[in-house]
């Protein structure tokens, strides 16, 4: 899932504990009463994992028009990076071996010889959301992207935009798939807005509750 890699303020969450009152206040300021209602539902169902998230999609043809920062270079690959770049990104060879062995691919962003960004993608019928343990179905004409990362020093400089543009171009040339898909938690307002600015739109609203369905989320709303 794409939790925090936003166009500007990506992956900048604080490790300090936040009180329930402050959480409610933040959600009210960002999402109004609807945001507060999500917190209430989660608190009432706290015995089981509960997650609300949107499925976002964007035409690859739109994403290819993203103007990337010329400072960076982007590479789509299915080979394990060198140790230097793994260390710079804070990722392990084991992770790459596992995902590449499943047929996934990745986009890596470079500033000179430094690896500064990464995102993953794959096709198929479903995406397995490892953190929560459920499957997310998506269309045969879609490529699913997830687990994006931009290192702190390079945020707000167009790294994510460039990686998405490179992935879209590669997808059109190699696979002919029409859309890029992603899932974003309803509470991640910054990431939602950032993706909408890039050309993504909400396709459906989903709910996952471990007490009701072990492997598959429920669709609460779908765009016609």
C-alpha atoms as a PDB file:
ATOM      1  CA  UNK A   1       0.000   0.000   0.000  1.00  0.00           C
ATOM      2  CA  UNK A   2       1.115   3.523  -0.650  1.00  0.00           C
ATOM      3  CA  UNK A   3       1.107   5.006   2.813  1.00  0.00           C
ATOM      4  CA  UNK A   4       3.184   8.128   2.728  1.00  0.00           C
ATOM      5  CA  UNK A   5       5.087   8.758  -0.495  1.00  0.00           C
ATOM      6  CA  UNK A   6       3.410  12.002  -1.533  1.00  0.00           C
ATOM      7  CA  UNK A   7       4.360  14.471  -4.223  1.00  0.00           C
ATOM      8  CA  UNK A   8       5.884  16.784  -1.675  1.00  0.00           C
ATOM      9  CA  UNK A   9       5.689  15.727   1.975  1.00  0.00           C
ATOM     10  CA  UNK A  10       6.291  12.007   1.597  1.00  0.00           C
ATOM     11  CA  UNK A  11       7.140   9.535   4.359  1.00  0.00           C
ATOM     12  CA  UNK A  12       7.430  12.211   7.013  1.00  0.00           C
ATOM     13  CA  UNK A  13       5.446  10.674   9.833  1.00  0.00           C
ATOM     14  CA  UNK A  14       6.503  11.330  13.408  1.00  0.00           C
ATOM     15  CA  UNK A  15       7.450   8.496  15.762  1.00  0.00           C
ATOM     16  CA  UNK A  16       6.100  10.342  18.799  1.00  0.00           C
ATOM     17  CA  UNK A  17       2.819   8.993  20.277  1.00  0.00           C
ATOM     18  CA  UNK A  18      -0.309  10.978  19.483  1.00  0.00           C
ATOM     19  CA  UNK A  19      -3.308  11.105  21.824  1.00  0.00           C
ATOM     20  CA  UNK A  20      -6.775  10.074  20.656  1.00  0.00           C
ATOM     21  CA  UNK A  21      -8.022  13.658  21.073  1.00  0.00           C
ATOM     22  CA  UNK A  22      -5.252  14.972  18.839  1.00  0.00           C
ATOM     23  CA  UNK A  23      -5.958  12.269  16.244  1.00  0.00           C
ATOM     24  CA  UNK A  24      -9.637  13.254  16.184  1.00  0.00           C
ATOM     25  CA  UNK A  25      -8.741  16.946  15.915  1.00  0.00           C
ATOM     26  CA  UNK A  26      -6.350  16.318  13.023  1.00  0.00           C
ATOM     27  CA  UNK A  27      -8.870  14.210  11.151  1.00  0.00           C
ATOM     28  CA  UNK A  28     -11.596  16.826  11.667  1.00  0.00           C
ATOM     29  CA  UNK A  29      -9.320  19.546  10.294  1.00  0.00           C
ATOM     30  CA  UNK A  30      -8.384  17.433   7.259  1.00  0.00           C
ATOM     31  CA  UNK A  31     -11.527  15.423   6.434  1.00  0.00           C
ATOM     32  CA  UNK A  32     -14.309  16.963   8.549  1.00  0.00           C
ATOM     33  CA  UNK A  33     -16.960  14.776  10.163  1.00  0.00           C
ATOM     34  CA  UNK A  34     -16.411  11.943   7.688  1.00  0.00           C
ATOM     35  CA  UNK A  35     -12.817  11.618   8.880  1.00  0.00           C
ATOM     36  CA  UNK A  36     -13.894  11.501  12.513  1.00  0.00           C
ATOM     37  CA  UNK A  37     -16.398   8.770  11.665  1.00  0.00           C
ATOM     38  CA  UNK A  38     -13.578   6.557  10.325  1.00  0.00           C
ATOM     39  CA  UNK A  39     -11.788   6.837  13.673  1.00  0.00           C
ATOM     40  CA  UNK A  40     -14.986   5.962  15.546  1.00  0.00           C
ATOM     41  CA  UNK A  41     -15.514   2.855  13.436  1.00  0.00           C
ATOM     42  CA  UNK A  42     -11.913   1.750  13.954  1.00  0.00           C
ATOM     43  CA  UNK A  43     -12.176   2.243  17.722  1.00  0.00           C
ATOM     44  CA  UNK A  44     -15.400   0.237  17.911  1.00  0.00           C
ATOM     45  CA  UNK A  45     -13.848  -2.604  15.927  1.00  0.00           C
ATOM     46  CA  UNK A  46     -10.380  -2.446  17.470  1.00  0.00           C
ATOM     47  CA  UNK A  47     -10.431  -6.165  18.325  1.00  0.00           C
ATOM     48  CA  UNK A  48      -9.971  -6.930  14.616  1.00  0.00           C
ATOM     49  CA  UNK A  49      -7.929  -5.276  11.893  1.00  0.00           C
ATOM     50  CA  UNK A  50     -10.119  -2.750  10.071  1.00  0.00           C
ATOM     51  CA  UNK A  51      -9.001  -0.697   7.107  1.00  0.00           C
ATOM     52  CA  UNK A  52     -10.749   1.729   4.775  1.00  0.00           C
ATOM     53  CA  UNK A  53      -8.988   2.537   1.538  1.00  0.00           C
ATOM     54  CA  UNK A  54      -9.580   3.881  -1.948  1.00  0.00           C
ATOM     55  CA  UNK A  55      -8.572   2.247  -5.200  1.00  0.00           C
ATOM     56  CA  UNK A  56      -7.049   4.935  -7.425  1.00  0.00           C
ATOM     57  CA  UNK A  57      -6.383   4.572 -11.140  1.00  0.00           C
ATOM     58  CA  UNK A  58      -4.766   6.738 -13.808  1.00  0.00           C
ATOM     59  CA  UNK A  59      -4.395   6.285 -17.587  1.00  0.00           C
ATOM     60  CA  UNK A  60      -0.807   5.502 -18.482  1.00  0.00           C
ATOM     61  CA  UNK A  61      -1.133   7.882 -21.408  1.00  0.00           C
ATOM     62  CA  UNK A  62      -1.759  10.703 -18.913  1.00  0.00           C
ATOM     63  CA  UNK A  63       1.146   9.740 -16.675  1.00  0.00           C
ATOM     64  CA  UNK A  64       3.585   9.753 -19.588  1.00  0.00           C
ATOM     65  CA  UNK A  65       2.980  13.501 -19.886  1.00  0.00           C
ATOM     66  CA  UNK A  66       4.337  14.183 -16.394  1.00  0.00           C
ATOM     67  CA  UNK A  67       7.242  16.615 -16.565  1.00  0.00           C
ATOM     68  CA  UNK A  68      10.056  15.052 -14.574  1.00  0.00           C
ATOM     69  CA  UNK A  69      12.956  16.911 -13.015  1.00  0.00           C
ATOM     70  CA  UNK A  70      15.845  16.611 -15.485  1.00  0.00           C
ATOM     71  CA  UNK A  71      18.223  16.291 -12.568  1.00  0.00           C
ATOM     72  CA  UNK A  72      17.137  12.687 -12.022  1.00  0.00           C
ATOM     73  CA  UNK A  73      17.348   9.525 -14.077  1.00  0.00           C
ATOM     74  CA  UNK A  74      14.839   6.677 -13.796  1.00  0.00           C
ATOM     75  CA  UNK A  75      15.291   3.007 -14.560  1.00  0.00           C
ATOM     76  CA  UNK A  76      12.685   0.239 -14.724  1.00  0.00           C
ATOM     77  CA  UNK A  77      14.295  -3.088 -13.867  1.00  0.00           C
ATOM     78  CA  UNK A  78      13.753  -6.696 -12.870  1.00  0.00           C
ATOM     79  CA  UNK A  79      17.332  -7.244 -11.674  1.00  0.00           C
ATOM     80  CA  UNK A  80      18.605  -6.886  -8.094  1.00  0.00           C
ATOM     81  CA  UNK A  81      20.440  -3.552  -7.593  1.00  0.00           C
ATOM     82  CA  UNK A  82      24.033  -3.453  -6.381  1.00  0.00           C
ATOM     83  CA  UNK A  83      24.766  -3.457  -2.668  1.00  0.00           C
ATOM     84  CA  UNK A  84      25.533   0.251  -2.660  1.00  0.00           C
ATOM     85  CA  UNK A  85      22.092   1.152  -3.956  1.00  0.00           C
ATOM     86  CA  UNK A  86      20.378  -1.379  -1.684  1.00  0.00           C
ATOM     87  CA  UNK A  87      22.074   0.223   1.303  1.00  0.00           C
ATOM     88  CA  UNK A  88      21.186   3.743   0.171  1.00  0.00           C
ATOM     89  CA  UNK A  89      17.525   2.766  -0.094  1.00  0.00           C
ATOM     90  CA  UNK A  90      17.516   0.769   3.135  1.00  0.00           C
ATOM     91  CA  UNK A  91      16.251  -2.358   1.356  1.00  0.00           C
ATOM     92  CA  UNK A  92      17.545  -5.943   1.447  1.00  0.00           C
ATOM     93  CA  UNK A  93      18.532  -8.385  -1.252  1.00  0.00           C
ATOM     94  CA  UNK A  94      16.093 -10.875   0.283  1.00  0.00           C
ATOM     95  CA  UNK A  95      13.189  -8.505  -0.372  1.00  0.00           C
ATOM     96  CA  UNK A  96      14.241  -7.976  -3.988  1.00  0.00           C
ATOM     97  CA  UNK A  97      14.795 -11.686  -4.576  1.00  0.00           C
ATOM     98  CA  UNK A  98      11.334 -12.515  -3.243  1.00  0.00           C
ATOM     99  CA  UNK A  99       9.448  -9.853  -5.182  1.00  0.00           C
ATOM    100  CA  UNK A 100      11.370 -10.281  -8.416  1.00  0.00           C
ATOM    101  CA  UNK A 101      10.852 -14.034  -8.118  1.00  0.00           C
ATOM    102  CA  UNK A 102       7.103 -13.323  -8.079  1.00  0.00           C
ATOM    103  CA  UNK A 103       7.371 -11.432 -11.357  1.00  0.00           C
ATOM    104  CA  UNK A 104       7.276  -7.930  -9.877  1.00  0.00           C
ATOM    105  CA  UNK A 105       9.366  -5.058 -11.256  1.00  0.00           C
ATOM    106  CA  UNK A 106      10.587  -1.804  -9.799  1.00  0.00           C
ATOM    107  CA  UNK A 107      11.503   1.738 -10.755  1.00  0.00           C
ATOM    108  CA  UNK A 108      14.595   3.257  -9.192  1.00  0.00           C
ATOM    109  CA  UNK A 109      15.470   6.967  -9.245  1.00  0.00           C
ATOM    110  CA  UNK A 110      19.056   8.186  -9.430  1.00  0.00           C
ATOM    111  CA  UNK A 111      20.672  11.493  -8.630  1.00  0.00           C
ATOM    112  CA  UNK A 112      24.053  10.928 -10.208  1.00  0.00           C
ATOM    113  CA  UNK A 113      25.252   7.616  -8.753  1.00  0.00           C
ATOM    114  CA  UNK A 114      22.976   7.833  -5.714  1.00  0.00           C
ATOM    115  CA  UNK A 115      19.763   5.809  -5.509  1.00  0.00           C
ATOM    116  CA  UNK A 116      17.172   8.237  -4.093  1.00  0.00           C
ATOM    117  CA  UNK A 117      13.768   6.701  -4.851  1.00  0.00           C
ATOM    118  CA  UNK A 118      12.038   3.392  -5.420  1.00  0.00           C
ATOM    119  CA  UNK A 119       8.610   2.023  -6.234  1.00  0.00           C
ATOM    120  CA  UNK A 120       7.310  -1.449  -7.017  1.00  0.00           C
ATOM    121  CA  UNK A 121       4.763  -2.691  -9.564  1.00  0.00           C
ATOM    122  CA  UNK A 122       3.271  -5.912 -10.882  1.00  0.00           C
ATOM    123  CA  UNK A 123       0.462  -7.226 -13.057  1.00  0.00           C
ATOM    124  CA  UNK A 124      -1.863 -10.173 -12.599  1.00  0.00           C
ATOM    125  CA  UNK A 125      -5.316 -10.541 -11.079  1.00  0.00           C
ATOM    126  CA  UNK A 126      -4.680  -9.615  -7.429  1.00  0.00           C
ATOM    127  CA  UNK A 127      -2.273  -7.723  -5.193  1.00  0.00           C
ATOM    128  CA  UNK A 128      -1.496  -9.280  -1.815  1.00  0.00           C
ATOM    129  CA  UNK A 129      -1.382  -6.549   0.837  1.00  0.00           C
ATOM    130  CA  UNK A 130       1.256  -8.047   3.109  1.00  0.00           C
ATOM    131  CA  UNK A 131       0.864  -5.705   6.079  1.00  0.00           C
ATOM    132  CA  UNK A 132      -2.777  -6.714   6.614  1.00  0.00           C
ATOM    133  CA  UNK A 133      -2.870 -10.060   4.831  1.00  0.00           C
ATOM    134  CA  UNK A 134      -5.616  -9.648   2.227  1.00  0.00           C
ATOM    135  CA  UNK A 135      -5.922  -9.713  -1.553  1.00  0.00           C
ATOM    136  CA  UNK A 136      -6.837  -6.674  -3.653  1.00  0.00           C
ATOM    137  CA  UNK A 137      -8.277  -7.591  -7.069  1.00  0.00           C
ATOM    138  CA  UNK A 138      -7.521  -5.335 -10.036  1.00  0.00           C
ATOM    139  CA  UNK A 139      -8.171  -5.364 -13.761  1.00  0.00           C
ATOM    140  CA  UNK A 140      -6.297  -7.303 -16.397  1.00  0.00           C
ATOM    141  CA  UNK A 141      -5.643  -4.043 -18.229  1.00  0.00           C
ATOM    142  CA  UNK A 142      -4.019  -2.496 -15.140  1.00  0.00           C
ATOM    143  CA  UNK A 143      -0.571  -2.483 -13.598  1.00  0.00           C
ATOM    144  CA  UNK A 144      -0.570  -2.213  -9.810  1.00  0.00           C
ATOM    145  CA  UNK A 145       2.028  -0.014  -8.116  1.00  0.00           C
ATOM    146  CA  UNK A 146       2.915  -0.037  -4.428  1.00  0.00           C
ATOM    147  CA  UNK A 147       5.534   0.565  -1.734  1.00  0.00           C
ATOM    148  CA  UNK A 148       6.958   3.850  -3.016  1.00  0.00           C
ATOM    149  CA  UNK A 149       9.878   5.538  -1.289  1.00  0.00           C
ATOM    150  CA  UNK A 150      11.709   8.842  -1.688  1.00  0.00           C
ATOM    151  CA  UNK A 151      14.675   9.493   0.579  1.00  0.00           C
ATOM    152  CA  UNK A 152      14.190  12.569   2.825  1.00  0.00           C
ATOM    153  CA  UNK A 153      16.838  14.768   1.228  1.00  0.00           C
ATOM    154  CA  UNK A 154      15.220  14.404  -2.208  1.00  0.00           C
ATOM    155  CA  UNK A 155      11.553  14.904  -1.348  1.00  0.00           C
ATOM    156  CA  UNK A 156       9.533  17.728  -2.912  1.00  0.00           C
ATOM    157  CA  UNK A 157      11.722  17.597  -6.034  1.00  0.00           C
ATOM    158  CA  UNK A 158       9.602  15.486  -8.390  1.00  0.00           C
ATOM    159  CA  UNK A 159      11.114  12.060  -7.742  1.00  0.00           C
ATOM    160  CA  UNK A 160       7.779  10.249  -7.412  1.00  0.00           C
ATOM    161  CA  UNK A 161       6.361  11.986 -10.468  1.00  0.00           C
ATOM    162  CA  UNK A 162       9.382  10.911 -12.507  1.00  0.00           C
ATOM    163  CA  UNK A 163       9.168   7.291 -11.335  1.00  0.00           C
ATOM    164  CA  UNK A 164       5.466   7.097 -12.213  1.00  0.00           C
ATOM    165  CA  UNK A 165       6.104   8.623 -15.614  1.00  0.00           C
ATOM    166  CA  UNK A 166       8.920   6.159 -16.322  1.00  0.00           C
ATOM    167  CA  UNK A 167       6.754   3.236 -15.214  1.00  0.00           C
ATOM    168  CA  UNK A 168       3.857   4.384 -17.405  1.00  0.00           C
ATOM    169  CA  UNK A 169       6.083   4.695 -20.498  1.00  0.00           C
ATOM    170  CA  UNK A 170       7.630   1.274 -19.886  1.00  0.00           C
ATOM    171  CA  UNK A 171       4.190  -0.279 -19.360  1.00  0.00           C
ATOM    172  CA  UNK A 172       2.822   1.096 -22.623  1.00  0.00           C
ATOM    173  CA  UNK A 173       5.886  -0.066 -24.569  1.00  0.00           C
ATOM    174  CA  UNK A 174       6.256  -3.510 -22.992  1.00  0.00           C
ATOM    175  CA  UNK A 175       2.788  -4.585 -21.810  1.00  0.00           C
ATOM    176  CA  UNK A 176       0.279  -2.344 -23.526  1.00  0.00           C
ATOM    177  CA  UNK A 177      -1.705  -1.973 -20.303  1.00  0.00           C
ATOM    178  CA  UNK A 178      -3.920   1.094 -20.180  1.00  0.00           C
ATOM    179  CA  UNK A 179      -3.932   2.045 -16.502  1.00  0.00           C
ATOM    180  CA  UNK A 180      -1.856   2.249 -13.361  1.00  0.00           C
ATOM    181  CA  UNK A 181      -3.651   1.326 -10.119  1.00  0.00           C
ATOM    182  CA  UNK A 182      -2.874   1.887  -6.441  1.00  0.00           C
ATOM    183  CA  UNK A 183      -4.610   1.724  -3.067  1.00  0.00           C
ATOM    184  CA  UNK A 184      -4.418   4.532  -0.515  1.00  0.00           C
ATOM    185  CA  UNK A 185      -5.884   4.628   2.981  1.00  0.00           C
ATOM    186  CA  UNK A 186      -8.784   7.052   3.437  1.00  0.00           C
ATOM    187  CA  UNK A 187      -6.878   8.667   6.318  1.00  0.00           C
ATOM    188  CA  UNK A 188      -3.909   9.549   4.086  1.00  0.00           C
ATOM    189  CA  UNK A 189      -5.367  12.800   2.792  1.00  0.00           C
ATOM    190  CA  UNK A 190      -2.024  14.185   1.614  1.00  0.00           C
ATOM    191  CA  UNK A 191      -1.272  11.161  -0.566  1.00  0.00           C
ATOM    192  CA  UNK A 192      -4.800  11.160  -1.969  1.00  0.00           C
ATOM    193  CA  UNK A 193      -4.558  14.801  -3.020  1.00  0.00           C
ATOM    194  CA  UNK A 194      -1.088  14.312  -4.453  1.00  0.00           C
ATOM    195  CA  UNK A 195      -2.206  11.413  -6.633  1.00  0.00           C
ATOM    196  CA  UNK A 196      -5.233  13.355  -7.847  1.00  0.00           C
ATOM    197  CA  UNK A 197      -2.908  16.176  -8.954  1.00  0.00           C
ATOM    198  CA  UNK A 198      -0.938  13.637 -10.985  1.00  0.00           C
ATOM    199  CA  UNK A 199      -4.053  12.438 -12.804  1.00  0.00           C
ATOM    200  CA  UNK A 200      -5.287   9.611 -10.571  1.00  0.00           C
ATOM    201  CA  UNK A 201      -8.990   9.351  -9.725  1.00  0.00           C
ATOM    202  CA  UNK A 202     -10.944   7.327  -7.185  1.00  0.00           C
ATOM    203  CA  UNK A 203     -12.307   4.130  -8.657  1.00  0.00           C
ATOM    204  CA  UNK A 204     -13.828   2.613  -5.525  1.00  0.00           C
ATOM    205  CA  UNK A 205     -13.985   2.728  -1.724  1.00  0.00           C
ATOM    206  CA  UNK A 206     -13.112  -0.490   0.106  1.00  0.00           C
ATOM    207  CA  UNK A 207     -13.299  -1.806   3.642  1.00  0.00           C
ATOM    208  CA  UNK A 208     -11.315  -4.686   5.078  1.00  0.00           C
ATOM    209  CA  UNK A 209     -12.335  -6.213   8.408  1.00  0.00           C
ATOM    210  CA  UNK A 210     -10.509  -9.270   9.678  1.00  0.00           C
ATOM    211  CA  UNK A 211     -13.581 -10.417  11.615  1.00  0.00           C
ATOM    212  CA  UNK A 212     -15.778 -10.525   8.499  1.00  0.00           C
ATOM    213  CA  UNK A 213     -13.490 -11.539   5.660  1.00  0.00           C
ATOM    214  CA  UNK A 214     -10.057 -12.994   6.099  1.00  0.00           C
ATOM    215  CA  UNK A 215      -8.638 -12.509   2.625  1.00  0.00           C
ATOM    216  CA  UNK A 216     -10.820 -10.093   0.655  1.00  0.00           C
ATOM    217  CA  UNK A 217     -12.039  -6.518   1.282  1.00  0.00           C
ATOM    218  CA  UNK A 218     -15.612  -5.354   0.734  1.00  0.00           C
ATOM    219  CA  UNK A 219     -16.453  -2.767  -1.916  1.00  0.00           C
ATOM    220  CA  UNK A 220     -18.504   0.017  -0.304  1.00  0.00           C
ATOM    221  CA  UNK A 221     -18.696   2.268  -3.370  1.00  0.00           C
ATOM    222  CA  UNK A 222     -17.658   1.917  -6.996  1.00  0.00           C
ATOM    223  CA  UNK A 223     -17.545   4.574  -9.688  1.00  0.00           C
ATOM    224  CA  UNK A 224     -19.847   3.777 -12.578  1.00  0.00           C
END
